[in-house]
């Protein structure tokens, strides 16, 4: 199973409230009990296109990878592949390419159209 990057890749800490964060933590705790620890984390930098401006994209990707490795050394970075995603400069910034999984959504879309 996957955690979205927006939910963080650190171990969840218990919330004192009953808001969405607490509910999400309870959900993930139950998922962990059923399926074990997460190893796959979906993070798409510049997912919907856009202009990176003066941000050095390869360096930013390397920083994301380093933070993920610090939290979960055996993590697999999952990236959606469609249109121009992932950008070549993102891939240049990743050092452990053997721990990257690119899911091609183009093939999924083509199969759905045929059937």
Protein backbone atom coordinates (compact mmCIF):
# COMPACT_ATOMS: atom_id res chain seq x y z
CA UNK A 1 0.00 0.00 0.00
CA UNK A 2 1.07 3.60 -0.52
CA UNK A 3 1.28 6.74 1.59
CA UNK A 4 0.82 10.04 -0.18
CA UNK A 5 3.68 12.46 0.45
CA UNK A 6 1.20 14.99 1.81
CA UNK A 7 0.65 12.64 4.76
CA UNK A 8 4.36 12.59 5.49
CA UNK A 9 6.89 9.81 5.43
CA UNK A 10 7.78 10.00 9.08
CA UNK A 11 6.25 7.69 11.66
CA UNK A 12 2.86 9.06 12.63
CA UNK A 13 2.51 10.48 16.10
CA UNK A 14 -0.74 10.31 17.96
CA UNK A 15 -2.92 13.40 17.78
CA UNK A 16 -4.76 14.69 20.83
CA UNK A 17 -7.74 15.85 18.82
CA UNK A 18 -10.42 14.08 16.81
CA UNK A 19 -9.86 15.97 13.56
CA UNK A 20 -8.86 14.67 10.15
CA UNK A 21 -5.23 14.17 11.18
CA UNK A 22 -6.23 11.82 14.03
CA UNK A 23 -8.61 9.89 11.77
CA UNK A 24 -5.90 9.55 9.14
CA UNK A 25 -3.43 8.29 11.76
CA UNK A 26 -5.93 5.67 12.94
CA UNK A 27 -6.48 4.59 9.33
CA UNK A 28 -2.73 4.24 8.69
CA UNK A 29 -2.19 2.40 11.98
CA UNK A 30 -4.87 -0.11 10.96
CA UNK A 31 -3.31 -0.45 7.48
CA UNK A 32 0.08 -1.13 9.12
CA UNK A 33 -1.47 -3.82 11.32
CA UNK A 34 -3.03 -5.50 8.28
CA UNK A 35 -0.33 -5.00 5.65
CA UNK A 36 2.91 -4.15 7.45
CA UNK A 37 5.09 -1.08 7.13
CA UNK A 38 4.87 1.01 3.98
CA UNK A 39 7.87 0.94 1.64
CA UNK A 40 6.41 2.72 -1.39
CA UNK A 41 5.88 6.48 -1.37
CA UNK A 42 4.24 8.31 -4.26
CA UNK A 43 5.68 11.77 -4.79
CA UNK A 44 5.39 13.66 -8.05
CA UNK A 45 7.40 16.85 -8.24
CA UNK A 46 5.89 19.31 -10.73
CA UNK A 47 3.19 16.71 -11.36
CA UNK A 48 0.78 18.96 -13.23
CA UNK A 49 3.46 20.74 -15.21
CA UNK A 50 4.09 24.28 -14.23
CA UNK A 51 7.20 26.38 -14.20
CA UNK A 52 9.90 25.53 -11.69
CA UNK A 53 11.19 29.10 -11.92
CA UNK A 54 14.70 29.39 -10.56
CA UNK A 55 14.43 26.21 -8.47
CA UNK A 56 17.22 23.76 -9.39
CA UNK A 57 14.93 20.78 -10.02
CA UNK A 58 17.63 18.07 -9.95
CA UNK A 59 18.92 19.36 -6.61
CA UNK A 60 15.37 19.55 -5.24
CA UNK A 61 14.71 15.95 -6.32
CA UNK A 62 17.94 14.88 -4.64
CA UNK A 63 16.83 16.65 -1.45
CA UNK A 64 13.46 14.88 -1.51
CA UNK A 65 15.21 11.55 -2.02
CA UNK A 66 17.64 12.19 0.84
CA UNK A 67 14.78 13.08 3.22
CA UNK A 68 12.91 9.93 2.22
CA UNK A 69 16.03 7.76 2.71
CA UNK A 70 16.66 9.31 6.12
CA UNK A 71 13.12 8.42 7.23
CA UNK A 72 12.90 5.04 5.46
CA UNK A 73 16.23 3.74 4.06
CA UNK A 74 14.60 0.95 2.03
CA UNK A 75 11.85 3.18 0.60
CA UNK A 76 10.80 2.97 -3.03
CA UNK A 77 9.95 6.32 -4.67
CA UNK A 78 6.87 5.85 -6.85
CA UNK A 79 6.41 8.38 -9.66
CA UNK A 80 3.49 8.56 -12.09
CA UNK A 81 4.60 8.50 -15.71
CA UNK A 82 2.40 10.44 -18.12
CA UNK A 83 2.80 13.31 -20.55
CA UNK A 84 6.19 14.83 -19.61
CA UNK A 85 6.27 13.35 -16.13
CA UNK A 86 8.75 12.54 -14.73
CA UNK A 87 10.93 15.31 -16.05
CA UNK A 88 14.49 14.30 -17.00
CA UNK A 89 15.97 16.73 -14.47
CA UNK A 90 14.04 14.99 -11.67
CA UNK A 91 15.53 11.64 -12.68
CA UNK A 92 19.01 13.19 -12.86
CA UNK A 93 18.70 14.22 -9.23
CA UNK A 94 17.85 10.73 -7.98
CA UNK A 95 20.89 8.71 -6.93
CA UNK A 96 19.28 5.32 -6.17
CA UNK A 97 17.42 4.72 -9.40
CA UNK A 98 17.04 1.03 -8.54
CA UNK A 99 14.65 2.18 -5.78
CA UNK A 100 12.37 4.16 -8.12
CA UNK A 101 9.17 2.79 -9.64
CA UNK A 102 7.62 4.74 -12.52
CA UNK A 103 4.00 3.78 -13.18
CA UNK A 104 2.94 4.46 -16.76
CA UNK A 105 -0.54 5.96 -16.79
CA UNK A 106 -0.45 6.35 -20.56
CA UNK A 107 -0.76 2.60 -21.00
CA UNK A 108 -3.62 2.42 -18.50
CA UNK A 109 -5.52 5.16 -20.35
CA UNK A 110 -5.02 3.45 -23.72
CA UNK A 111 -6.28 0.12 -22.39
CA UNK A 112 -9.43 1.69 -20.96
CA UNK A 113 -10.23 3.39 -24.25
CA UNK A 114 -9.99 0.12 -26.18
CA UNK A 115 -12.13 -1.90 -23.82
